[in-house]
């Protein structure tokens, strides 16, 4: 009587397959197990397929969102330009309306033409008063240029009114004289001197009006209107230039305060470094004590173990406090204020290659000199220093924008970028309009080397430099 090789059971009524040696019951169980495994695998594959389909749909959704974001970015950029143009146009119209109104009130006896009066009143009611204190340095410079253009346009418009050569000559002399004195007034403009500059403008316009009228009475009517309008524009120019000057001085003062803060931070870091060394010395002593106590525990008697454990716990607690103090010192040492620099080295890397880096040193030029000491044949030229409270963040932002222009696309620690001088100058201005930027590179040693044909046989020895590799 055959027995099942799987379950070991036999019997008259138990059928065993001769080829496999397995009974019918075990065979059914085996088939059921296989079916279960197949069902599990099918479910798993179904889930994977579903996840893949979801992934593809998510990918398409992300692409759609990125496309929408790109479209919105374009719209935002266009809207920003439109807003800027509208603001500038609004400011110019405001200045024109103000000049007409003040000319009417202060210089012209009686009302101007009905059309001019209505236009000026409508503009006065529609346009808001612009607050110069809210403007950036770049915006103020744009407003100043707009006002200068209005002055030029106004002068041309009134010049066309004079038909005789004598009147035209008198008018041109008045304009030339006022423009020259206006440049002097702006040149002498200083902090706290706005009212003095305004008084100078009013005295200057009154003087030239008097001179012109004494020369020819026939131009009194038109000259009054012209003087009134241009005086208002000149006063707006003084206000804009003064606010520009104030904001520049405010930024410089903030930078001076930050530099003083950097000096203090440098002194604090020095003190923290000394404190850190003391803490590390304490840490080493406690670690040595822990090692000694652990060694004693291995050979200690029963009556000594508790005392040693208590001492070990005490020392462990002390070293924990020391580690906390050390971590606090390290955290205090990590300051963010510093200077981002833009430098070039034409002799070493050619034109249109710039290095954009960062230093926390009080004198960033020291870092630039280090970079040009021995690793390159010529010293670097500085194009811009951008001081920032968060220099690492500023450097990261610039590197991100310049990422596709990297010279070395493998080692991202190499901070060299291929870009035109105009593009990088515009970029610096966007991030800090007050930062100075030098468009030319002196490259003195490189240019001098190009002119030298005979090199001396002996190289002068610099006794103070023993590190010349």
Protein backbone atom coordinates (compact mmCIF):
# COMPACT_ATOMS: atom_id res chain seq x y z
CA UNK A 1 0.00 0.00 0.00
CA UNK A 2 1.61 3.35 -1.14
CA UNK A 3 2.22 6.26 1.21
CA UNK A 4 2.28 10.00 0.33
CA UNK A 5 5.80 11.32 0.25
CA UNK A 6 4.59 14.76 1.37
CA UNK A 7 2.34 14.01 4.35
CA UNK A 8 3.44 10.36 4.98
CA UNK A 9 -0.13 9.11 5.18
CA UNK A 10 -1.36 5.94 3.49
CA UNK A 11 -4.49 3.81 3.36
CA UNK A 12 -6.81 1.85 1.17
CA UNK A 13 -8.82 4.90 0.15
CA UNK A 14 -5.93 7.36 -0.22
CA UNK A 15 -4.90 7.79 -3.83
CA UNK A 16 -1.23 8.47 -4.49
CA UNK A 17 0.08 9.60 -7.84
CA UNK A 18 2.79 7.18 -8.92
CA UNK A 19 4.77 9.77 -10.90
CA UNK A 20 5.00 12.39 -8.09
CA UNK A 21 4.41 10.19 -5.02
CA UNK A 22 2.00 12.82 -3.65
CA UNK A 23 -1.57 12.13 -2.53
CA UNK A 24 -4.58 13.90 -3.96
CA UNK A 25 -5.13 15.97 -0.78
CA UNK A 26 -1.56 17.26 -0.76
CA UNK A 27 -1.73 17.96 -4.48
CA UNK A 28 -4.87 20.07 -3.98
CA UNK A 29 -3.18 21.99 -1.16
CA UNK A 30 -0.18 22.61 -3.40
CA UNK A 31 -2.40 23.90 -6.19
CA UNK A 32 -4.28 26.15 -3.74
CA UNK A 33 -0.98 27.58 -2.49
CA UNK A 34 0.16 28.27 -6.04
CA UNK A 35 -3.16 29.98 -6.83
CA UNK A 36 -2.78 32.14 -3.70
CA UNK A 37 0.77 33.10 -4.67
CA UNK A 38 -0.36 33.95 -8.21
CA UNK A 39 -3.22 36.08 -6.89
CA UNK A 40 -0.82 37.90 -4.57
CA UNK A 41 1.58 38.53 -7.43
CA UNK A 42 -1.26 39.76 -9.64
CA UNK A 43 -2.37 42.18 -6.94
CA UNK A 44 1.18 43.42 -6.48
CA UNK A 45 1.62 43.93 -10.22
CA UNK A 46 -1.73 45.73 -10.34
CA UNK A 47 -0.63 48.09 -7.58
CA UNK A 48 2.69 48.73 -9.34
CA UNK A 49 0.85 49.41 -12.60
CA UNK A 50 -1.54 51.76 -10.82
CA UNK A 51 1.37 53.59 -9.16
CA UNK A 52 3.15 53.86 -12.50
CA UNK A 53 0.04 55.29 -14.12
CA UNK A 54 -0.34 57.72 -11.21
CA UNK A 55 3.33 58.67 -11.55
CA UNK A 56 2.89 59.39 -15.24
CA UNK A 57 -0.20 61.47 -14.52
CA UNK A 58 1.69 63.36 -11.80
CA UNK A 59 4.54 63.98 -14.24
CA UNK A 60 2.12 65.43 -16.78
CA UNK A 61 0.50 67.53 -14.04
CA UNK A 62 3.91 68.84 -12.95
CA UNK A 63 4.75 69.72 -16.56
CA UNK A 64 1.46 71.59 -16.89
CA UNK A 65 2.11 73.47 -13.65
CA UNK A 66 5.64 74.35 -14.74
CA UNK A 67 4.29 75.63 -18.06
CA UNK A 68 1.69 77.70 -16.21
CA UNK A 69 4.39 79.02 -13.88
CA UNK A 70 6.54 80.03 -16.86
CA UNK A 71 3.57 81.83 -18.44
CA UNK A 72 2.79 83.58 -15.15
CA UNK A 73 6.43 84.62 -14.78
CA UNK A 74 6.29 86.24 -18.22
CA UNK A 75 3.02 87.97 -17.33
CA UNK A 76 4.45 89.18 -13.99
CA UNK A 77 7.56 90.50 -15.75
CA UNK A 78 5.44 92.31 -18.35
CA UNK A 79 3.14 93.67 -15.65
CA UNK A 80 6.14 94.91 -13.65
CA UNK A 81 7.49 96.73 -16.70
CA UNK A 82 4.06 98.20 -17.43
CA UNK A 83 3.73 99.34 -13.82
CA UNK A 84 7.17 100.92 -13.89
CA UNK A 85 6.44 102.73 -17.17
CA UNK A 86 3.05 103.87 -15.88
CA UNK A 87 4.59 105.10 -12.64
CA UNK A 88 7.24 107.06 -14.53
CA UNK A 89 4.65 108.53 -16.88
CA UNK A 90 2.43 109.39 -13.90
CA UNK A 91 5.29 111.17 -12.20
CA UNK A 92 6.10 113.16 -15.34
CA UNK A 93 2.46 114.18 -15.79
CA UNK A 94 2.28 115.13 -12.14
CA UNK A 95 5.38 117.31 -12.49
CA UNK A 96 3.97 118.92 -15.65
CA UNK A 97 0.64 119.64 -13.96
CA UNK A 98 2.41 121.09 -10.94
CA UNK A 99 4.61 123.31 -13.11
CA UNK A 100 1.58 124.69 -14.97
CA UNK A 101 -0.35 125.30 -11.74
CA UNK A 102 2.57 127.02 -9.99
CA UNK A 103 3.38 129.09 -13.06
CA UNK A 104 -0.23 130.23 -13.11
CA UNK A 105 -0.29 130.99 -9.38
CA UNK A 106 3.13 132.57 -8.88
CA UNK A 107 4.20 134.11 -12.17
CA UNK A 108 1.30 134.72 -14.56
CA UNK A 109 -1.20 137.41 -13.61
CA UNK A 110 -4.67 136.03 -14.33
CA UNK A 111 -5.60 132.55 -15.43
CA UNK A 112 -3.97 130.53 -18.15
CA UNK A 113 -6.03 129.29 -21.04
CA UNK A 114 -9.14 127.34 -20.07
CA UNK A 115 -7.81 124.16 -21.66
CA UNK A 116 -4.55 124.24 -19.69
CA UNK A 117 -6.35 124.95 -16.40
CA UNK A 118 -8.84 122.10 -16.89
CA UNK A 119 -6.12 119.66 -17.90
CA UNK A 120 -4.03 120.52 -14.86
CA UNK A 121 -7.00 120.22 -12.49
CA UNK A 122 -7.94 116.83 -13.92
CA UNK A 123 -4.39 115.58 -13.54
CA UNK A 124 -4.13 116.95 -10.00
CA UNK A 125 -7.30 115.09 -9.00
CA UNK A 126 -6.48 111.82 -10.73
CA UNK A 127 -2.83 111.29 -9.85
CA UNK A 128 -1.73 110.39 -6.30
CA UNK A 129 1.05 112.23 -4.50
CA UNK A 130 4.25 110.20 -4.91
CA UNK A 131 6.27 109.58 -1.76
CA UNK A 132 9.96 109.81 -2.59
CA UNK A 133 10.93 108.02 0.61
CA UNK A 134 9.33 104.83 -0.72
CA UNK A 135 11.40 104.82 -3.90
CA UNK A 136 14.55 102.85 -4.47
CA UNK A 137 17.79 104.48 -5.58
CA UNK A 138 17.29 103.10 -9.09
CA UNK A 139 13.74 104.49 -9.29
CA UNK A 140 14.88 107.90 -8.07
CA UNK A 141 17.58 108.00 -10.74
CA UNK A 142 14.95 107.11 -13.35
CA UNK A 143 12.66 109.89 -12.07
CA UNK A 144 15.54 112.36 -12.19
CA UNK A 145 16.26 111.44 -15.82
CA UNK A 146 12.57 111.84 -16.62
CA UNK A 147 12.50 115.32 -15.10
CA UNK A 148 15.61 116.31 -17.03
CA UNK A 149 13.91 115.19 -20.24
CA UNK A 150 10.86 117.30 -19.35
CA UNK A 151 13.09 120.34 -18.90
CA UNK A 152 14.65 119.78 -22.32
CA UNK A 153 11.23 119.28 -23.96
CA UNK A 154 9.86 122.42 -22.27
CA UNK A 155 12.82 124.50 -23.43
CA UNK A 156 12.38 123.28 -27.02
CA UNK A 157 8.63 123.97 -26.95
CA UNK A 158 9.08 127.58 -25.81
CA UNK A 159 11.97 128.19 -28.17
CA UNK A 160 9.61 127.52 -31.09
CA UNK A 161 7.36 130.40 -29.94
CA UNK A 162 9.97 133.05 -30.66
CA UNK A 163 10.12 134.19 -34.28
CA UNK A 164 12.64 137.03 -34.23
CA UNK A 165 16.36 136.40 -33.98
CA UNK A 166 16.75 138.80 -31.06
CA UNK A 167 14.07 137.17 -28.93
CA UNK A 168 15.38 133.69 -29.74
CA UNK A 169 18.90 134.72 -28.75
CA UNK A 170 17.73 136.21 -25.44
CA UNK A 171 15.71 133.10 -24.70
CA UNK A 172 18.65 130.77 -25.47
CA UNK A 173 20.98 132.80 -23.26
CA UNK A 174 18.47 132.61 -20.41
CA UNK A 175 18.18 128.83 -20.78
CA UNK A 176 21.97 128.34 -20.98
CA UNK A 177 22.53 130.49 -17.92
CA UNK A 178 19.85 128.77 -15.84
CA UNK A 179 21.06 125.30 -16.82
CA UNK A 180 24.63 126.16 -15.85
CA UNK A 181 23.58 127.56 -12.48
CA UNK A 182 21.26 124.59 -11.90
CA UNK A 183 24.20 122.21 -12.34
CA UNK A 184 26.13 124.23 -9.74
CA UNK A 185 23.19 124.09 -7.31
CA UNK A 186 22.95 120.30 -7.66
CA UNK A 187 26.72 119.93 -7.32
CA UNK A 188 26.68 121.84 -4.02
CA UNK A 189 23.64 119.97 -2.68
CA UNK A 190 24.45 118.38 0.67
CA UNK A 191 22.64 116.66 3.50
CA UNK A 192 20.42 119.23 5.25
CA UNK A 193 20.78 121.69 2.37
CA UNK A 194 17.52 121.08 0.50
CA UNK A 195 15.83 124.36 1.52
CA UNK A 196 18.98 126.31 0.70
CA UNK A 197 19.01 124.70 -2.77
CA UNK A 198 15.31 125.55 -3.27
CA UNK A 199 15.99 129.18 -2.33
CA UNK A 200 18.89 129.22 -4.80
CA UNK A 201 16.60 127.93 -7.58
CA UNK A 202 13.97 130.61 -6.88
CA UNK A 203 16.58 133.38 -6.71
CA UNK A 204 18.17 132.15 -9.94
CA UNK A 205 14.89 132.05 -11.93
CA UNK A 206 13.90 135.50 -10.63
CA UNK A 207 17.29 136.89 -11.63
CA UNK A 208 17.14 135.56 -15.19
CA UNK A 209 13.55 136.70 -15.61
CA UNK A 210 14.54 140.20 -14.57
CA UNK A 211 17.54 140.23 -16.93
CA UNK A 212 15.49 138.98 -19.88
CA UNK A 213 12.65 141.45 -19.32
CA UNK A 214 15.09 144.34 -19.02
CA UNK A 215 16.47 143.31 -22.38
CA UNK A 216 13.16 143.02 -24.21
CA UNK A 217 9.65 143.82 -22.91
CA UNK A 218 7.88 142.02 -25.74
CA UNK A 219 8.69 138.57 -24.33
CA UNK A 220 7.31 139.22 -20.84
CA UNK A 221 4.11 137.18 -21.16
CA UNK A 222 5.60 133.98 -22.56
CA UNK A 223 8.74 134.21 -20.45
CA UNK A 224 6.71 134.45 -17.23
CA UNK A 225 4.92 131.23 -18.04
CA UNK A 226 8.16 129.53 -19.05
CA UNK A 227 10.03 130.66 -15.92
CA UNK A 228 7.14 129.53 -13.71
CA UNK A 229 7.03 126.05 -15.27
CA UNK A 230 10.77 125.46 -15.37
CA UNK A 231 11.16 126.68 -11.78
CA UNK A 232 8.68 124.02 -10.64
CA UNK A 233 10.55 121.34 -12.58
CA UNK A 234 13.86 122.52 -11.14
CA UNK A 235 12.44 122.30 -7.61
CA UNK A 236 11.27 118.72 -8.34
CA UNK A 237 14.76 117.88 -9.61
CA UNK A 238 16.27 119.21 -6.38
CA UNK A 239 13.81 117.14 -4.31
CA UNK A 240 14.55 113.98 -6.31
CA UNK A 241 18.32 114.49 -6.29
CA UNK A 242 18.25 115.24 -2.56
CA UNK A 243 16.28 112.09 -1.77
CA UNK A 244 18.65 110.10 -3.98
CA UNK A 245 21.57 111.57 -2.02
CA UNK A 246 19.85 110.83 1.33
CA UNK A 247 19.15 107.22 0.40
CA UNK A 248 22.72 106.69 -0.79
CA UNK A 249 24.01 108.15 2.48
CA UNK A 250 21.56 106.00 4.44
CA UNK A 251 22.83 102.88 2.72
CA UNK A 252 26.44 103.90 3.33
CA UNK A 253 25.68 104.54 6.98
CA UNK A 254 24.05 101.12 7.27
CA UNK A 255 27.12 99.56 5.68
CA UNK A 256 29.40 101.43 8.07
CA UNK A 257 27.32 100.12 10.96
CA UNK A 258 27.50 96.60 9.58
CA UNK A 259 31.26 96.84 9.13
CA UNK A 260 31.58 97.98 12.71
CA UNK A 261 29.43 95.02 13.66
CA UNK A 262 31.79 92.78 11.68
CA UNK A 263 34.75 94.16 13.62
CA UNK A 264 32.98 93.44 16.86
CA UNK A 265 32.05 89.98 15.64
CA UNK A 266 35.70 89.34 14.72
CA UNK A 267 36.76 90.29 18.23
CA UNK A 268 33.99 88.14 19.68
CA UNK A 269 35.02 85.22 17.50
CA UNK A 270 38.58 85.61 18.76
CA UNK A 271 37.36 85.49 22.36
CA UNK A 272 35.06 82.58 21.55
CA UNK A 273 37.97 80.70 20.01
CA UNK A 274 39.95 81.13 23.23
CA UNK A 275 36.94 80.01 25.26
CA UNK A 276 36.48 77.04 22.94
CA UNK A 277 40.07 75.91 23.56
CA UNK A 278 39.49 76.05 27.31
CA UNK A 279 36.28 74.02 26.97
CA UNK A 280 38.01 71.45 24.77
CA UNK A 281 40.77 71.12 27.39
CA UNK A 282 38.11 70.47 30.05
CA UNK A 283 36.44 67.97 27.74
CA UNK A 284 39.69 66.05 27.33
CA UNK A 285 40.19 65.92 31.13
CA UNK A 286 36.68 64.59 31.71
CA UNK A 287 37.11 61.97 28.96
CA UNK A 288 40.34 60.83 30.57
CA UNK A 289 38.55 60.59 33.94
CA UNK A 290 35.77 58.51 32.37
CA UNK A 291 38.32 56.16 30.84
CA UNK A 292 40.04 55.81 34.23
CA UNK A 293 36.76 55.09 36.04
CA UNK A 294 35.74 52.49 33.43
CA UNK A 295 39.10 50.77 33.82
CA UNK A 296 38.65 50.67 37.62
CA UNK A 297 35.14 49.23 37.27
CA UNK A 298 36.52 46.20 35.46
CA UNK A 299 38.67 45.21 38.47
CA UNK A 300 36.66 46.81 41.29
CA UNK A 301 35.34 44.88 44.30
CA UNK A 302 31.64 44.72 45.08
CA UNK A 303 31.79 47.39 47.77
CA UNK A 304 33.56 49.82 45.38
CA UNK A 305 31.32 49.44 42.33
CA UNK A 306 28.52 51.71 43.55
CA UNK A 307 30.92 54.52 44.43
CA UNK A 308 32.63 54.24 41.06
CA UNK A 309 29.28 54.26 39.20
CA UNK A 310 28.14 57.32 41.14
CA UNK A 311 31.38 59.12 40.27
CA UNK A 312 31.05 58.04 36.63
CA UNK A 313 27.50 59.43 36.46
CA UNK A 314 28.71 62.70 37.97
CA UNK A 315 31.55 63.07 35.44
CA UNK A 316 29.25 62.11 32.56
CA UNK A 317 26.83 64.87 33.60
CA UNK A 318 29.69 67.36 33.74
CA UNK A 319 30.97 66.42 30.29
CA UNK A 320 27.41 66.79 28.96
CA UNK A 321 27.38 70.41 30.16
CA UNK A 322 30.79 70.97 28.59
CA UNK A 323 29.56 69.61 25.24
CA UNK A 324 26.51 71.90 25.38
CA UNK A 325 28.78 74.88 26.02
CA UNK A 326 31.04 73.85 23.15
CA UNK A 327 28.07 73.55 20.77
CA UNK A 328 26.89 77.00 21.84
CA UNK A 329 30.32 78.49 21.13
CA UNK A 330 30.44 76.88 17.67
CA UNK A 331 26.98 78.25 16.90
CA UNK A 332 28.03 81.77 17.93
CA UNK A 333 31.08 81.56 15.68
CA UNK A 334 28.97 81.03 12.57
CA UNK A 335 28.28 84.63 11.44
CA UNK A 336 26.71 85.57 8.07
CA UNK A 337 27.79 89.16 7.37
CA UNK A 338 30.41 89.48 4.64
CA UNK A 339 31.30 90.69 1.15
CA UNK A 340 30.53 89.11 -2.22
CA UNK A 341 33.18 90.00 -4.79
CA UNK A 342 33.20 90.05 -8.60
CA UNK A 343 36.76 89.79 -9.99
CA UNK A 344 38.46 88.94 -13.28
CA UNK A 345 41.90 87.90 -14.50
CA UNK A 346 42.28 88.57 -18.22
CA UNK A 347 45.88 87.38 -18.35
CA UNK A 348 44.99 84.02 -16.78
CA UNK A 349 41.49 83.27 -18.11
CA UNK A 350 40.80 85.71 -20.95
CA UNK A 351 37.98 88.16 -21.48
CA UNK A 352 34.43 87.69 -20.20
CA UNK A 353 35.39 85.26 -17.42
CA UNK A 354 34.59 86.35 -13.86
CA UNK A 355 34.95 84.82 -10.43
CA UNK A 356 32.06 85.46 -8.04
CA UNK A 357 32.90 84.52 -4.47
CA UNK A 358 32.42 85.51 -0.85
CA UNK A 359 34.60 86.44 2.10
CA UNK A 360 33.85 87.30 5.73
CA UNK A 361 37.08 89.23 6.16
CA UNK A 362 36.95 92.83 7.28
CA UNK A 363 39.14 93.77 4.29
CA UNK A 364 37.89 91.73 1.29
CA UNK A 365 40.81 92.96 -0.82
CA UNK A 366 43.09 90.76 1.30
CA UNK A 367 41.22 87.69 0.03
CA UNK A 368 41.45 88.91 -3.58
CA UNK A 369 45.21 89.40 -3.20
CA UNK A 370 45.52 85.86 -1.80
CA UNK A 371 43.72 84.44 -4.83
CA UNK A 372 46.19 86.17 -7.14
CA UNK A 373 49.35 85.33 -5.18
CA UNK A 374 50.73 82.03 -6.45
CA UNK A 375 48.03 79.95 -8.11
CA UNK A 376 47.69 82.23 -11.19
CA UNK A 377 50.31 84.13 -13.21
CA UNK A 378 48.66 87.55 -12.76
CA UNK A 379 46.73 89.30 -9.96
CA UNK A 380 42.95 89.67 -10.12
CA UNK A 381 41.13 92.92 -10.93
CA UNK A 382 38.17 93.88 -8.73
CA UNK A 383 34.97 94.89 -10.51
CA UNK A 384 32.63 95.05 -7.51
CA UNK A 385 32.38 94.48 -3.78
CA UNK A 386 28.82 93.85 -2.52
CA UNK A 387 28.52 94.05 1.24
CA UNK A 388 25.63 92.03 2.71
CA UNK A 389 24.23 91.03 6.09
CA UNK A 390 23.71 87.54 4.67
CA UNK A 391 26.62 87.11 2.28
CA UNK A 392 26.21 83.31 1.87
CA UNK A 393 22.59 83.77 0.73
CA UNK A 394 23.58 86.54 -1.73
CA UNK A 395 26.42 84.42 -3.13
CA UNK A 396 24.06 81.44 -3.52
CA UNK A 397 21.49 83.59 -5.35
CA UNK A 398 24.12 84.92 -7.77
CA UNK A 399 25.58 81.45 -8.39
CA UNK A 400 22.09 80.06 -9.05
CA UNK A 401 21.44 82.74 -11.66
CA UNK A 402 24.88 82.18 -13.23
CA UNK A 403 24.72 78.37 -13.06
CA UNK A 404 24.41 77.77 -16.83
CA UNK A 405 27.41 80.03 -17.46
CA UNK A 406 29.89 78.05 -15.34
CA UNK A 407 33.31 77.43 -16.88
CA UNK A 408 33.73 74.19 -14.88
CA UNK A 409 30.41 72.34 -14.90
CA UNK A 410 31.79 69.35 -12.96
CA UNK A 411 33.39 70.89 -9.88
CA UNK A 412 30.82 73.43 -8.68
CA UNK A 413 33.26 74.79 -6.09
CA UNK A 414 35.11 76.47 -8.97
CA UNK A 415 33.32 79.82 -9.03
CA UNK A 416 34.25 81.01 -12.54
CA UNK A 417 31.55 82.09 -15.01
CA UNK A 418 31.64 83.08 -18.68
CA UNK A 419 29.47 86.20 -19.07
CA UNK A 420 29.76 89.64 -20.64
CA UNK A 421 30.78 92.60 -18.51
CA UNK A 422 27.47 94.36 -19.31
CA UNK A 423 25.38 91.39 -18.16
CA UNK A 424 27.17 90.92 -14.85
CA UNK A 425 27.10 94.68 -14.22
CA UNK A 426 23.30 94.66 -14.72
CA UNK A 427 23.02 91.66 -12.38
CA UNK A 428 24.99 93.40 -9.61
CA UNK A 429 22.82 96.50 -10.01
CA UNK A 430 19.66 94.41 -9.63
CA UNK A 431 20.84 92.89 -6.36
CA UNK A 432 22.37 96.10 -4.96
CA UNK A 433 21.84 99.35 -6.91
CA UNK A 434 24.19 101.17 -4.52
CA UNK A 435 27.17 98.88 -5.18
CA UNK A 436 29.87 100.47 -7.32
CA UNK A 437 30.96 98.56 -10.42
CA UNK A 438 34.16 99.04 -12.42
CA UNK A 439 33.61 98.25 -16.11
CA UNK A 440 37.30 98.16 -17.05
CA UNK A 441 40.04 95.80 -15.89
CA UNK A 442 43.49 97.33 -15.44
CA UNK A 443 45.35 94.00 -15.85
CA UNK A 444 48.56 95.98 -15.43
CA UNK A 445 51.07 93.14 -15.13
CA UNK A 446 49.48 91.28 -18.06
CA UNK A 447 49.51 94.31 -20.36
CA UNK A 448 53.05 95.21 -19.33
CA UNK A 449 54.14 91.62 -20.02
CA UNK A 450 52.81 91.92 -23.58
CA UNK A 451 55.12 94.86 -24.22
CA UNK A 452 58.27 93.29 -22.75
CA UNK A 453 60.42 91.27 -25.16
CA UNK A 454 63.66 90.89 -23.19
CA UNK A 455 63.24 89.11 -19.86
CA UNK A 456 66.09 89.57 -17.34
CA UNK A 457 68.24 86.48 -16.69
CA UNK A 458 68.09 86.86 -12.94
CA UNK A 459 64.83 87.03 -11.01
CA UNK A 460 64.96 89.44 -8.03
CA UNK A 461 64.76 87.51 -4.78
CA UNK A 462 62.03 88.60 -2.38
CA UNK A 463 63.47 87.88 1.05
CA UNK A 464 60.07 88.20 2.67
CA UNK A 465 58.41 85.51 0.55
CA UNK A 466 59.42 81.93 1.26
CA UNK A 467 56.11 80.50 0.03
CA UNK A 468 56.36 80.88 -3.72
CA UNK A 469 55.06 77.66 -5.20
